[in-house]
Amino acid sequence: LDRDHDGALREDEFVAARLERFSAADADGDGKLTRAELRQR
């Protein structure tokens, strides 16, 4: 998660990790998470 390896998570690193998780769950890539996508994940 610490992309710049400074020993701390900055806001942009934190947000990037959250967006990766969201994108991984968004199976159809429409920018929304449905109950079905959450169940699948």
Full PDB file with SEQRES, HELIX, SHEET, SSBOND, CRYST1, ORIGX, SCALE, CONECT and MASTER records, all heavy atoms in Angstrom:
SEQRES   1 A   41  LEU ASP ARG ASP HIS ASP GLY ALA LEU ARG GLU ASP GLU          
SEQRES   2 A   41  PHE VAL ALA ALA ARG LEU GLU ARG PHE SER ALA ALA ASP          
SEQRES   3 A   41  ALA ASP GLY ASP GLY LYS LEU THR ARG ALA GLU LEU ARG          
SEQRES   4 A   41  GLN ARG                                                      
HELIX    1 AA1 GLU A   11  ALA A   25  1                                  15    
HELIX    2 AA2 ARG A   35  GLN A   40  1                                   6    
CRYST1    1.000    1.000    1.000  90.00  90.00  90.00 P 1           1          
ORIGX1      1.000000  0.000000  0.000000        0.00000                         
ORIGX2      0.000000  1.000000  0.000000        0.00000                         
ORIGX3      0.000000  0.000000  1.000000        0.00000                         
SCALE1      1.000000  0.000000  0.000000        0.00000                         
SCALE2      0.000000  1.000000  0.000000        0.00000                         
SCALE3      0.000000  0.000000  1.000000        0.00000                         
ATOM      1  N   LEU A   1       0.811  -1.213   0.000  1.00  0.00           N  
ATOM      2  CA  LEU A   1       0.000   0.000   0.000  1.00  0.00           C  
ATOM      3  C   LEU A   1       0.848   1.269   0.000  1.00  0.00           C  
ATOM      4  O   LEU A   1       0.456   2.284  -0.570  1.00  0.00           O  
ATOM      5  CB  LEU A   1      -0.936   0.009   1.212  1.00  0.00           C  
ATOM      6  CG  LEU A   1      -2.003  -1.073   1.249  1.00  0.00           C  
ATOM      7  CD1 LEU A   1      -2.746  -1.028   2.576  1.00  0.00           C  
ATOM      8  CD2 LEU A   1      -2.953  -0.959   0.083  1.00  0.00           C  
ATOM      9  N   ASP A   2       2.000   1.229   0.651  1.00  0.00           N  
ATOM     10  CA  ASP A   2       2.896   2.386   0.776  1.00  0.00           C  
ATOM     11  C   ASP A   2       3.717   2.514  -0.505  1.00  0.00           C  
ATOM     12  O   ASP A   2       4.879   2.130  -0.580  1.00  0.00           O  
ATOM     13  CB  ASP A   2       3.804   2.202   2.000  1.00  0.00           C  
ATOM     14  CG  ASP A   2       4.705   3.389   2.242  1.00  0.00           C  
ATOM     15  OD1 ASP A   2       4.442   4.484   1.710  1.00  0.00           O  
ATOM     16  OD2 ASP A   2       5.697   3.211   2.981  1.00  0.00           O  
ATOM     17  N   ARG A   3       3.112   3.082  -1.511  1.00  0.00           N  
ATOM     18  CA  ARG A   3       3.702   3.094  -2.858  1.00  0.00           C  
ATOM     19  C   ARG A   3       5.008   3.863  -2.961  1.00  0.00           C  
ATOM     20  O   ARG A   3       5.853   3.542  -3.788  1.00  0.00           O  
ATOM     21  CB  ARG A   3       2.686   3.635  -3.858  1.00  0.00           C  
ATOM     22  CG  ARG A   3       1.517   2.682  -3.984  1.00  0.00           C  
ATOM     23  CD  ARG A   3       0.466   3.194  -4.899  1.00  0.00           C  
ATOM     24  NE  ARG A   3      -0.602   2.204  -4.946  1.00  0.00           N  
ATOM     25  CZ  ARG A   3      -1.472   2.127  -5.907  1.00  0.00           C  
ATOM     26  NH1 ARG A   3      -1.436   2.966  -6.902  1.00  0.00           N  
ATOM     27  NH2 ARG A   3      -2.403   1.208  -5.873  1.00  0.00           N  
ATOM     28  N   ASP A   4       5.193   4.890  -2.140  1.00  0.00           N  
ATOM     29  CA  ASP A   4       6.452   5.630  -2.203  1.00  0.00           C  
ATOM     30  C   ASP A   4       7.450   5.155  -1.144  1.00  0.00           C  
ATOM     31  O   ASP A   4       8.540   5.695  -1.018  1.00  0.00           O  
ATOM     32  CB  ASP A   4       6.226   7.140  -2.086  1.00  0.00           C  
ATOM     33  CG  ASP A   4       5.662   7.559  -0.747  1.00  0.00           C  
ATOM     34  OD1 ASP A   4       5.451   6.690   0.128  1.00  0.00           O  
ATOM     35  OD2 ASP A   4       5.423   8.765  -0.571  1.00  0.00           O  
ATOM     36  N   HIS A   5       7.075   4.137  -0.390  1.00  0.00           N  
ATOM     37  CA  HIS A   5       7.955   3.486   0.594  1.00  0.00           C  
ATOM     38  C   HIS A   5       8.552   4.462   1.600  1.00  0.00           C  
ATOM     39  O   HIS A   5       9.711   4.330   1.978  1.00  0.00           O  
ATOM     40  CB  HIS A   5       9.051   2.678  -0.112  1.00  0.00           C  
ATOM     41  CG  HIS A   5       8.496   1.750  -1.138  1.00  0.00           C  
ATOM     42  ND1 HIS A   5       7.773   0.625  -0.813  1.00  0.00           N  
ATOM     43  CD2 HIS A   5       8.518   1.809  -2.488  1.00  0.00           C  
ATOM     44  CE1 HIS A   5       7.386   0.027  -1.921  1.00  0.00           C  
ATOM     45  NE2 HIS A   5       7.819   0.707  -2.952  1.00  0.00           N  
ATOM     46  N   ASP A   6       7.714   5.404   2.066  1.00  0.00           N  
ATOM     47  CA  ASP A   6       8.192   6.359   3.072  1.00  0.00           C  
ATOM     48  C   ASP A   6       7.796   5.941   4.488  1.00  0.00           C  
ATOM     49  O   ASP A   6       8.046   6.660   5.447  1.00  0.00           O  
ATOM     50  CB  ASP A   6       7.694   7.772   2.774  1.00  0.00           C  
ATOM     51  CG  ASP A   6       6.184   7.923   2.916  1.00  0.00           C  
ATOM     52  OD1 ASP A   6       5.480   6.908   3.094  1.00  0.00           O  
ATOM     53  OD2 ASP A   6       5.716   9.074   2.851  1.00  0.00           O  
ATOM     54  N   GLY A   7       7.178   4.773   4.623  1.00  0.00           N  
ATOM     55  CA  GLY A   7       6.812   4.285   5.939  1.00  0.00           C  
ATOM     56  C   GLY A   7       5.494   4.817   6.468  1.00  0.00           C  
ATOM     57  O   GLY A   7       5.160   4.612   7.630  1.00  0.00           O  
ATOM     58  N   ALA A   8       4.737   5.506   5.633  1.00  0.00           N  
ATOM     59  CA  ALA A   8       3.442   6.054   6.031  1.00  0.00           C  
ATOM     60  C   ALA A   8       2.493   5.989   4.845  1.00  0.00           C  
ATOM     61  O   ALA A   8       2.926   6.066   3.693  1.00  0.00           O  
ATOM     62  CB  ALA A   8       3.596   7.500   6.496  1.00  0.00           C  
ATOM     63  N   LEU A   9       1.206   5.846   5.127  1.00  0.00           N  
ATOM     64  CA  LEU A   9       0.216   5.879   4.058  1.00  0.00           C  
ATOM     65  C   LEU A   9      -0.333   7.289   3.951  1.00  0.00           C  
ATOM     66  O   LEU A   9      -0.929   7.816   4.887  1.00  0.00           O  
ATOM     67  CB  LEU A   9      -0.932   4.906   4.355  1.00  0.00           C  
ATOM     68  CG  LEU A   9      -0.589   3.431   4.324  1.00  0.00           C  
ATOM     69  CD1 LEU A   9      -1.816   2.606   4.668  1.00  0.00           C  
ATOM     70  CD2 LEU A   9      -0.032   3.025   2.979  1.00  0.00           C  
ATOM     71  N   ARG A  10      -0.087   7.903   2.805  1.00  0.00           N  
ATOM     72  CA  ARG A  10      -0.652   9.223   2.528  1.00  0.00           C  
ATOM     73  C   ARG A  10      -2.080   9.045   2.024  1.00  0.00           C  
ATOM     74  O   ARG A  10      -2.494   7.958   1.650  1.00  0.00           O  
ATOM     75  CB  ARG A  10       0.188   9.946   1.475  1.00  0.00           C  
ATOM     76  CG  ARG A  10       1.552  10.371   1.932  1.00  0.00           C  
ATOM     77  CD  ARG A  10       2.279  11.205   0.861  1.00  0.00           C  
ATOM     78  NE  ARG A  10       1.872  10.890  -0.498  1.00  0.00           N  
ATOM     79  CZ  ARG A  10       2.432   9.924  -1.249  1.00  0.00           C  
ATOM     80  NH1 ARG A  10       3.406   9.193  -0.785  1.00  0.00           N  
ATOM     81  NH2 ARG A  10       2.007   9.716  -2.470  1.00  0.00           N  
ATOM     82  N   GLU A  11      -2.808  10.134   1.982  1.00  0.00           N  
ATOM     83  CA  GLU A  11      -4.196  10.083   1.544  1.00  0.00           C  
ATOM     84  C   GLU A  11      -4.316   9.497   0.133  1.00  0.00           C  
ATOM     85  O   GLU A  11      -5.183   8.667  -0.124  1.00  0.00           O  
ATOM     86  CB  GLU A  11      -4.823  11.482   1.578  1.00  0.00           C  
ATOM     87  CG  GLU A  11      -6.279  11.486   1.170  1.00  0.00           C  
ATOM     88  CD  GLU A  11      -6.904  12.867   1.244  1.00  0.00           C  
ATOM     89  OE1 GLU A  11      -6.176  13.855   1.467  1.00  0.00           O  
ATOM     90  OE2 GLU A  11      -8.109  12.948   1.058  1.00  0.00           O  
ATOM     91  N   ASP A  12      -3.437   9.892  -0.781  1.00  0.00           N  
ATOM     92  CA  ASP A  12      -3.545   9.384  -2.148  1.00  0.00           C  
ATOM     93  C   ASP A  12      -3.270   7.871  -2.208  1.00  0.00           C  
ATOM     94  O   ASP A  12      -3.899   7.162  -2.992  1.00  0.00           O  
ATOM     95  CB  ASP A  12      -2.619  10.145  -3.104  1.00  0.00           C  
ATOM     96  CG  ASP A  12      -1.155  10.022  -2.765  1.00  0.00           C  
ATOM     97  OD1 ASP A  12      -0.791  10.122  -1.574  1.00  0.00           O  
ATOM     98  OD2 ASP A  12      -0.346   9.849  -3.702  1.00  0.00           O  
ATOM     99  N   GLU A  13      -2.373   7.366  -1.355  1.00  0.00           N  
ATOM    100  CA  GLU A  13      -2.116   5.927  -1.316  1.00  0.00           C  
ATOM    101  C   GLU A  13      -3.326   5.195  -0.745  1.00  0.00           C  
ATOM    102  O   GLU A  13      -3.720   4.137  -1.245  1.00  0.00           O  
ATOM    103  CB  GLU A  13      -0.878   5.631  -0.461  1.00  0.00           C  
ATOM    104  CG  GLU A  13       0.409   6.129  -1.094  1.00  0.00           C  
ATOM    105  CD  GLU A  13       1.588   6.098  -0.153  1.00  0.00           C  
ATOM    106  OE1 GLU A  13       1.399   6.359   1.062  1.00  0.00           O  
ATOM    107  OE2 GLU A  13       2.695   5.833  -0.628  1.00  0.00           O  
ATOM    108  N   PHE A  14      -3.912   5.767   0.283  1.00  0.00           N  
ATOM    109  CA  PHE A  14      -5.101   5.194   0.910  1.00  0.00           C  
ATOM    110  C   PHE A  14      -6.255   5.156  -0.087  1.00  0.00           C  
ATOM    111  O   PHE A  14      -6.917   4.127  -0.256  1.00  0.00           O  
ATOM    112  CB  PHE A  14      -5.462   6.013   2.144  1.00  0.00           C  
ATOM    113  CG  PHE A  14      -6.669   5.529   2.873  1.00  0.00           C  
ATOM    114  CD1 PHE A  14      -6.593   4.430   3.705  1.00  0.00           C  
ATOM    115  CD2 PHE A  14      -7.884   6.184   2.746  1.00  0.00           C  
ATOM    116  CE1 PHE A  14      -7.708   3.974   4.399  1.00  0.00           C  
ATOM    117  CE2 PHE A  14      -8.998   5.743   3.427  1.00  0.00           C  
ATOM    118  CZ  PHE A  14      -8.918   4.636   4.256  1.00  0.00           C  
ATOM    119  N   VAL A  15      -6.481   6.263  -0.773  1.00  0.00           N  
ATOM    120  CA  VAL A  15      -7.574   6.344  -1.750  1.00  0.00           C  
ATOM    121  C   VAL A  15      -7.320   5.376  -2.910  1.00  0.00           C  
ATOM    122  O   VAL A  15      -8.245   4.691  -3.368  1.00  0.00           O  
ATOM    123  CB  VAL A  15      -7.751   7.794  -2.253  1.00  0.00           C  
ATOM    124  CG1 VAL A  15      -8.699   7.857  -3.435  1.00  0.00           C  
ATOM    125  CG2 VAL A  15      -8.250   8.683  -1.115  1.00  0.00           C  
ATOM    126  N   ALA A  16      -6.075   5.270  -3.361  1.00  0.00           N  
ATOM    127  CA  ALA A  16      -5.749   4.351  -4.460  1.00  0.00           C  
ATOM    128  C   ALA A  16      -6.083   2.913  -4.077  1.00  0.00           C  
ATOM    129  O   ALA A  16      -6.639   2.156  -4.885  1.00  0.00           O  
ATOM    130  CB  ALA A  16      -4.282   4.478  -4.842  1.00  0.00           C  
ATOM    131  N   ALA A  17      -5.766   2.527  -2.831  1.00  0.00           N  
ATOM    132  CA  ALA A  17      -6.078   1.172  -2.367  1.00  0.00           C  
ATOM    133  C   ALA A  17      -7.582   0.945  -2.340  1.00  0.00           C  
ATOM    134  O   ALA A  17      -8.070  -0.118  -2.737  1.00  0.00           O  
ATOM    135  CB  ALA A  17      -5.463   0.937  -0.992  1.00  0.00           C  
ATOM    136  N   ARG A  18      -8.331   1.950  -1.886  1.00  0.00           N  
ATOM    137  CA  ARG A  18      -9.791   1.829  -1.854  1.00  0.00           C  
ATOM    138  C   ARG A  18     -10.340   1.701  -3.269  1.00  0.00           C  
ATOM    139  O   ARG A  18     -11.244   0.900  -3.525  1.00  0.00           O  
ATOM    140  CB  ARG A  18     -10.409   3.031  -1.150  1.00  0.00           C  
ATOM    141  CG  ARG A  18     -10.154   2.999   0.343  1.00  0.00           C  
ATOM    142  CD  ARG A  18     -10.637   4.203   1.084  1.00  0.00           C  
ATOM    143  NE  ARG A  18     -11.864   4.769   0.591  1.00  0.00           N  
ATOM    144  CZ  ARG A  18     -12.306   5.956   0.918  1.00  0.00           C  
ATOM    145  NH1 ARG A  18     -11.629   6.707   1.760  1.00  0.00           N  
ATOM    146  NH2 ARG A  18     -13.433   6.422   0.434  1.00  0.00           N  
ATOM    147  N   LEU A  19      -9.809   2.489  -4.202  1.00  0.00           N  
ATOM    148  CA  LEU A  19     -10.291   2.421  -5.583  1.00  0.00           C  
ATOM    149  C   LEU A  19      -9.965   1.077  -6.230  1.00  0.00           C  
ATOM    150  O   LEU A  19     -10.762   0.548  -7.006  1.00  0.00           O  
ATOM    151  CB  LEU A  19      -9.706   3.573  -6.405  1.00  0.00           C  
ATOM    152  CG  LEU A  19     -10.257   4.950  -6.052  1.00  0.00           C  
ATOM    153  CD1 LEU A  19      -9.510   6.043  -6.828  1.00  0.00           C  
ATOM    154  CD2 LEU A  19     -11.755   5.032  -6.323  1.00  0.00           C  
ATOM    155  N   GLU A  20      -8.805   0.516  -5.898  1.00  0.00           N  
ATOM    156  CA  GLU A  20      -8.460  -0.817  -6.415  1.00  0.00           C  
ATOM    157  C   GLU A  20      -9.477  -1.846  -5.933  1.00  0.00           C  
ATOM    158  O   GLU A  20      -9.923  -2.695  -6.705  1.00  0.00           O  
ATOM    159  CB  GLU A  20      -7.071  -1.231  -5.948  1.00  0.00           C  
ATOM    160  CG  GLU A  20      -5.944  -0.523  -6.652  1.00  0.00           C  
ATOM    161  CD  GLU A  20      -4.589  -0.841  -6.019  1.00  0.00           C  
ATOM    162  OE1 GLU A  20      -4.512  -1.763  -5.160  1.00  0.00           O  
ATOM    163  OE2 GLU A  20      -3.618  -0.172  -6.384  1.00  0.00           O  
ATOM    164  N   ARG A  21      -9.834  -1.763  -4.655  1.00  0.00           N  
ATOM    165  CA  ARG A  21     -10.807  -2.704  -4.096  1.00  0.00           C  
ATOM    166  C   ARG A  21     -12.179  -2.522  -4.745  1.00  0.00           C  
ATOM    167  O   ARG A  21     -12.861  -3.483  -5.050  1.00  0.00           O  
ATOM    168  CB  ARG A  21     -10.899  -2.540  -2.583  1.00  0.00           C  
ATOM    169  CG  ARG A  21      -9.662  -3.019  -1.894  1.00  0.00           C  
ATOM    170  CD  ARG A  21      -9.684  -2.699  -0.417  1.00  0.00           C  
ATOM    171  NE  ARG A  21      -8.431  -3.089   0.164  1.00  0.00           N  
ATOM    172  CZ  ARG A  21      -8.309  -3.943   1.161  1.00  0.00           C  
ATOM    173  NH1 ARG A  21      -9.370  -4.465   1.701  1.00  0.00           N  
ATOM    174  NH2 ARG A  21      -7.126  -4.262   1.622  1.00  0.00           N  
ATOM    175  N   PHE A  22     -12.567  -1.267  -4.941  1.00  0.00           N  
ATOM    176  CA  PHE A  22     -13.848  -0.988  -5.583  1.00  0.00           C  
ATOM    177  C   PHE A  22     -13.836  -1.545  -7.004  1.00  0.00           C  
ATOM    178  O   PHE A  22     -14.761  -2.250  -7.415  1.00  0.00           O  
ATOM    179  CB  PHE A  22     -14.112   0.523  -5.608  1.00  0.00           C  
ATOM    180  CG  PHE A  22     -15.450   0.883  -6.192  1.00  0.00           C  
ATOM    181  CD1 PHE A  22     -16.550   1.034  -5.371  1.00  0.00           C  
ATOM    182  CD2 PHE A  22     -15.600   1.061  -7.553  1.00  0.00           C  
ATOM    183  CE1 PHE A  22     -17.792   1.353  -5.908  1.00  0.00           C  
ATOM    184  CE2 PHE A  22     -16.835   1.380  -8.100  1.00  0.00           C  
ATOM    185  CZ  PHE A  22     -17.935   1.527  -7.274  1.00  0.00           C  
ATOM    186  N   SER A  23     -12.783  -1.254  -7.763  1.00  0.00           N  
ATOM    187  CA  SER A  23     -12.696  -1.717  -9.147  1.00  0.00           C  
ATOM    188  C   SER A  23     -12.702  -3.233  -9.234  1.00  0.00           C  
ATOM    189  O   SER A  23     -13.307  -3.805 -10.147  1.00  0.00           O  
ATOM    190  CB  SER A  23     -11.438  -1.164  -9.812  1.00  0.00           C  
ATOM    191  OG  SER A  23     -11.516   0.240  -9.904  1.00  0.00           O  
ATOM    192  N   ALA A  24     -12.036  -3.890  -8.286  1.00  0.00           N  
ATOM    193  CA  ALA A  24     -12.019  -5.350  -8.289  1.00  0.00           C  
ATOM    194  C   ALA A  24     -13.410  -5.922  -8.056  1.00  0.00           C  
ATOM    195  O   ALA A  24     -13.766  -6.960  -8.614  1.00  0.00           O  
ATOM    196  CB  ALA A  24     -11.053  -5.858  -7.226  1.00  0.00           C  
ATOM    197  N   ALA A  25     -14.224  -5.254  -7.261  1.00  0.00           N  
ATOM    198  CA  ALA A  25     -15.579  -5.732  -6.981  1.00  0.00           C  
ATOM    199  C   ALA A  25     -16.560  -5.358  -8.083  1.00  0.00           C  
ATOM    200  O   ALA A  25     -17.571  -6.034  -8.262  1.00  0.00           O  
ATOM    201  CB  ALA A  25     -16.055  -5.158  -5.645  1.00  0.00           C  
ATOM    202  N   ASP A  26     -16.277  -4.315  -8.839  1.00  0.00           N  
ATOM    203  CA  ASP A  26     -17.173  -3.820  -9.898  1.00  0.00           C  
ATOM    204  C   ASP A  26     -16.993  -4.680 -11.154  1.00  0.00           C  
ATOM    205  O   ASP A  26     -16.312  -4.308 -12.091  1.00  0.00           O  
ATOM    206  CB  ASP A  26     -16.857  -2.350 -10.186  1.00  0.00           C  
ATOM    207  CG  ASP A  26     -17.806  -1.729 -11.191  1.00  0.00           C  
ATOM    208  OD1 ASP A  26     -18.882  -2.306 -11.450  1.00  0.00           O  
ATOM    209  OD2 ASP A  26     -17.452  -0.664 -11.730  1.00  0.00           O  
ATOM    210  N   ALA A  27     -17.622  -5.863 -11.137  1.00  0.00           N  
ATOM    211  CA  ALA A  27     -17.414  -6.868 -12.183  1.00  0.00           C  
ATOM    212  C   ALA A  27     -17.729  -6.368 -13.590  1.00  0.00           C  
ATOM    213  O   ALA A  27     -17.039  -6.714 -14.547  1.00  0.00           O  
ATOM    214  CB  ALA A  27     -18.240  -8.119 -11.879  1.00  0.00           C  
ATOM    215  N   ASP A  28     -18.767  -5.545 -13.734  1.00  0.00           N  
ATOM    216  CA  ASP A  28     -19.137  -5.092 -15.073  1.00  0.00           C  
ATOM    217  C   ASP A  28     -18.505  -3.747 -15.440  1.00  0.00           C  
ATOM    218  O   ASP A  28     -18.716  -3.235 -16.536  1.00  0.00           O  
ATOM    219  CB  ASP A  28     -20.654  -5.046 -15.249  1.00  0.00           C  
ATOM    220  CG  ASP A  28     -21.344  -4.091 -14.286  1.00  0.00           C  
ATOM    221  OD1 ASP A  28     -20.654  -3.333 -13.575  1.00  0.00           O  
ATOM    222  OD2 ASP A  28     -22.594  -4.102 -14.245  1.00  0.00           O  
ATOM    223  N   GLY A  29     -17.740  -3.166 -14.538  1.00  0.00           N  
ATOM    224  CA  GLY A  29     -17.016  -1.937 -14.838  1.00  0.00           C  
ATOM    225  C   GLY A  29     -17.875  -0.713 -15.055  1.00  0.00           C  
ATOM    226  O   GLY A  29     -17.435   0.256 -15.670  1.00  0.00           O  
ATOM    227  N   ASP A  30     -19.096  -0.709 -14.483  1.00  0.00           N  
ATOM    228  CA  ASP A  30     -19.986   0.431 -14.706  1.00  0.00           C  
ATOM    229  C   ASP A  30     -19.833   1.539 -13.659  1.00  0.00           C  
ATOM    230  O   ASP A  30     -20.557   2.523 -13.673  1.00  0.00           O  
ATOM    231  CB  ASP A  30     -21.446  -0.024 -14.780  1.00  0.00           C  
ATOM    232  CG  ASP A  30     -21.993  -0.546 -13.455  1.00  0.00           C  
ATOM    233  OD1 ASP A  30     -21.202  -0.679 -12.482  1.00  0.00           O  
ATOM    234  OD2 ASP A  30     -23.195  -0.836 -13.396  1.00  0.00           O  
ATOM    235  N   GLY A  31     -18.887   1.364 -12.737  1.00  0.00           N  
ATOM    236  CA  GLY A  31     -18.673   2.386 -11.718  1.00  0.00           C  
ATOM    237  C   GLY A  31     -19.646   2.329 -10.558  1.00  0.00           C  
ATOM    238  O   GLY A  31     -19.682   3.231  -9.731  1.00  0.00           O  
ATOM    239  N   LYS A  32     -20.423   1.247 -10.482  1.00  0.00           N  
ATOM    240  CA  LYS A  32     -21.378   1.048  -9.390  1.00  0.00           C  
ATOM    241  C   LYS A  32     -21.230  -0.378  -8.875  1.00  0.00           C  
ATOM    242  O   LYS A  32     -20.925  -1.287  -9.641  1.00  0.00           O  
ATOM    243  CB  LYS A  32     -22.816   1.247  -9.872  1.00  0.00           C  
ATOM    244  CG  LYS A  32     -23.118   2.634 -10.391  1.00  0.00           C  
ATOM    245  CD  LYS A  32     -24.574   2.743 -10.785  1.00  0.00           C  
ATOM    246  CE  LYS A  32     -24.660   2.521 -12.280  1.00  0.00           C  
ATOM    247  NZ  LYS A  32     -26.013   2.663 -12.810  1.00  0.00           N  
ATOM    248  N   LEU A  33     -21.483  -0.554  -7.571  1.00  0.00           N  
ATOM    249  CA  LEU A  33     -21.481  -1.898  -6.993  1.00  0.00           C  
ATOM    250  C   LEU A  33     -22.911  -2.312  -6.711  1.00  0.00           C  
ATOM    251  O   LEU A  33     -23.646  -1.611  -6.011  1.00  0.00           O  
ATOM    252  CB  LEU A  33     -20.670  -1.937  -5.694  1.00  0.00           C  
ATOM    253  CG  LEU A  33     -19.177  -1.740  -5.839  1.00  0.00           C  
ATOM    254  CD1 LEU A  33     -18.500  -1.777  -4.472  1.00  0.00           C  
ATOM    255  CD2 LEU A  33     -18.574  -2.795  -6.748  1.00  0.00           C  
ATOM    256  N   THR A  34     -23.313  -3.434  -7.282  1.00  0.00           N  
ATOM    257  CA  THR A  34     -24.636  -3.986  -7.008  1.00  0.00           C  
ATOM    258  C   THR A  34     -24.525  -5.032  -5.897  1.00  0.00           C  
ATOM    259  O   THR A  34     -23.427  -5.491  -5.565  1.00  0.00           O  
ATOM    260  CB  THR A  34     -25.212  -4.660  -8.265  1.00  0.00           C  
ATOM    261  OG1 THR A  34     -24.376  -5.783  -8.597  1.00  0.00           O  
ATOM    262  CG2 THR A  34     -25.288  -3.691  -9.449  1.00  0.00           C  
ATOM    263  N   ARG A  35     -25.667  -5.411  -5.356  1.00  0.00           N  
ATOM    264  CA  ARG A  35     -25.665  -6.475  -4.348  1.00  0.00           C  
ATOM    265  C   ARG A  35     -25.079  -7.758  -4.931  1.00  0.00           C  
ATOM    266  O   ARG A  35     -24.355  -8.480  -4.254  1.00  0.00           O  
ATOM    267  CB  ARG A  35     -27.080  -6.733  -3.839  1.00  0.00           C  
ATOM    268  CG  ARG A  35     -27.548  -5.680  -2.889  1.00  0.00           C  
ATOM    269  CD  ARG A  35     -28.857  -6.105  -2.232  1.00  0.00           C  
ATOM    270  NE  ARG A  35     -29.259  -5.086  -1.292  1.00  0.00           N  
ATOM    271  CZ  ARG A  35     -30.403  -4.436  -1.340  1.00  0.00           C  
ATOM    272  NH1 ARG A  35     -31.282  -4.715  -2.274  1.00  0.00           N  
ATOM    273  NH2 ARG A  35     -30.678  -3.524  -0.440  1.00  0.00           N  
ATOM    274  N   ALA A  36     -25.415  -8.042  -6.181  1.00  0.00           N  
ATOM    275  CA  ALA A  36     -24.897  -9.257  -6.823  1.00  0.00           C  
ATOM    276  C   ALA A  36     -23.370  -9.220  -6.917  1.00  0.00           C  
ATOM    277  O   ALA A  36     -22.705 -10.227  -6.678  1.00  0.00           O  
ATOM    278  CB  ALA A  36     -25.517  -9.422  -8.212  1.00  0.00           C  
ATOM    279  N   GLU A  37     -22.817  -8.059  -7.268  1.00  0.00           N  
ATOM    280  CA  GLU A  37     -21.351  -7.948  -7.346  1.00  0.00           C  
ATOM    281  C   GLU A  37     -20.717  -8.119  -5.967  1.00  0.00           C  
ATOM    282  O   GLU A  37     -19.667  -8.766  -5.837  1.00  0.00           O  
ATOM    283  CB  GLU A  37     -20.951  -6.603  -7.950  1.00  0.00           C  
ATOM    284  CG  GLU A  37     -21.233  -6.511  -9.437  1.00  0.00           C  
ATOM    285  CD  GLU A  37     -21.081  -5.116  -9.993  1.00  0.00           C  
ATOM    286  OE1 GLU A  37     -21.424  -4.136  -9.296  1.00  0.00           O  
ATOM    287  OE2 GLU A  37     -20.625  -5.003 -11.150  1.00  0.00           O  
ATOM    288  N   LEU A  38     -21.335  -7.551  -4.938  1.00  0.00           N  
ATOM    289  CA  LEU A  38     -20.810  -7.707  -3.581  1.00  0.00           C  
ATOM    290  C   LEU A  38     -20.880  -9.158  -3.126  1.00  0.00           C  
ATOM    291  O   LEU A  38     -19.936  -9.669  -2.521  1.00  0.00           O  
ATOM    292  CB  LEU A  38     -21.556  -6.796  -2.605  1.00  0.00           C  
ATOM    293  CG  LEU A  38     -21.301  -5.301  -2.789  1.00  0.00           C  
ATOM    294  CD1 LEU A  38     -22.196  -4.498  -1.856  1.00  0.00           C  
ATOM    295  CD2 LEU A  38     -19.844  -4.970  -2.556  1.00  0.00           C  
ATOM    296  N   ARG A  39     -21.997  -9.832  -3.446  1.00  0.00           N  
ATOM    297  CA  ARG A  39     -22.111 -11.261  -3.092  1.00  0.00           C  
ATOM    298  C   ARG A  39     -21.066 -12.078  -3.829  1.00  0.00           C  
ATOM    299  O   ARG A  39     -20.423 -12.953  -3.240  1.00  0.00           O  
ATOM    300  CB  ARG A  39     -23.516 -11.780  -3.411  1.00  0.00           C  
ATOM    301  CG  ARG A  39     -24.546 -11.460  -2.354  1.00  0.00           C  
ATOM    302  CD  ARG A  39     -25.833 -12.251  -2.557  1.00  0.00           C  
ATOM    303  NE  ARG A  39     -26.454 -11.980  -3.840  1.00  0.00           N  
ATOM    304  CZ  ARG A  39     -27.357 -11.024  -4.064  1.00  0.00           C  
ATOM    305  NH1 ARG A  39     -27.752 -10.250  -3.084  1.00  0.00           N  
ATOM    306  NH2 ARG A  39     -27.857 -10.850  -5.248  1.00  0.00           N  
ATOM    307  N   GLN A  40     -20.870 -11.786  -5.106  1.00  0.00           N  
ATOM    308  CA  GLN A  40     -19.874 -12.502  -5.904  1.00  0.00           C  
ATOM    309  C   GLN A  40     -18.478 -12.304  -5.311  1.00  0.00           C  
ATOM    310  O   GLN A  40     -17.703 -13.238  -5.196  1.00  0.00           O  
ATOM    311  CB  GLN A  40     -19.908 -12.013  -7.346  1.00  0.00           C  
ATOM    312  CG  GLN A  40     -18.875 -12.639  -8.246  1.00  0.00           C  
ATOM    313  CD  GLN A  40     -18.928 -12.062  -9.650  1.00  0.00           C  
ATOM    314  OE1 GLN A  40     -19.797 -11.281  -9.997  1.00  0.00           O  
ATOM    315  NE2 GLN A  40     -17.972 -12.453 -10.474  1.00  0.00           N  
ATOM    316  N   ARG A  41     -18.173 -11.092  -4.915  1.00  0.00           N  
ATOM    317  CA  ARG A  41     -16.860 -10.786  -4.324  1.00  0.00           C  
ATOM    318  C   ARG A  41     -16.684 -11.496  -2.991  1.00  0.00           C  
ATOM    319  O   ARG A  41     -15.613 -12.009  -2.684  1.00  0.00           O  
ATOM    320  CB  ARG A  41     -16.706  -9.272  -4.175  1.00  0.00           C  
ATOM    321  CG  ARG A  41     -15.307  -8.857  -4.045  1.00  0.00           C  
ATOM    322  CD  ARG A  41     -14.588  -9.163  -5.339  1.00  0.00           C  
ATOM    323  NE  ARG A  41     -13.191  -8.860  -5.168  1.00  0.00           N  
ATOM    324  CZ  ARG A  41     -12.245  -9.373  -5.884  1.00  0.00           C  
ATOM    325  NH1 ARG A  41     -12.524 -10.210  -6.849  1.00  0.00           N  
ATOM    326  NH2 ARG A  41     -10.999  -9.050  -5.677  1.00  0.00           N  
TER     327      ARG A  41                                                      
MASTER        0    0    0    2    0    0    0    6  326    1    0    4          
END                                                                             
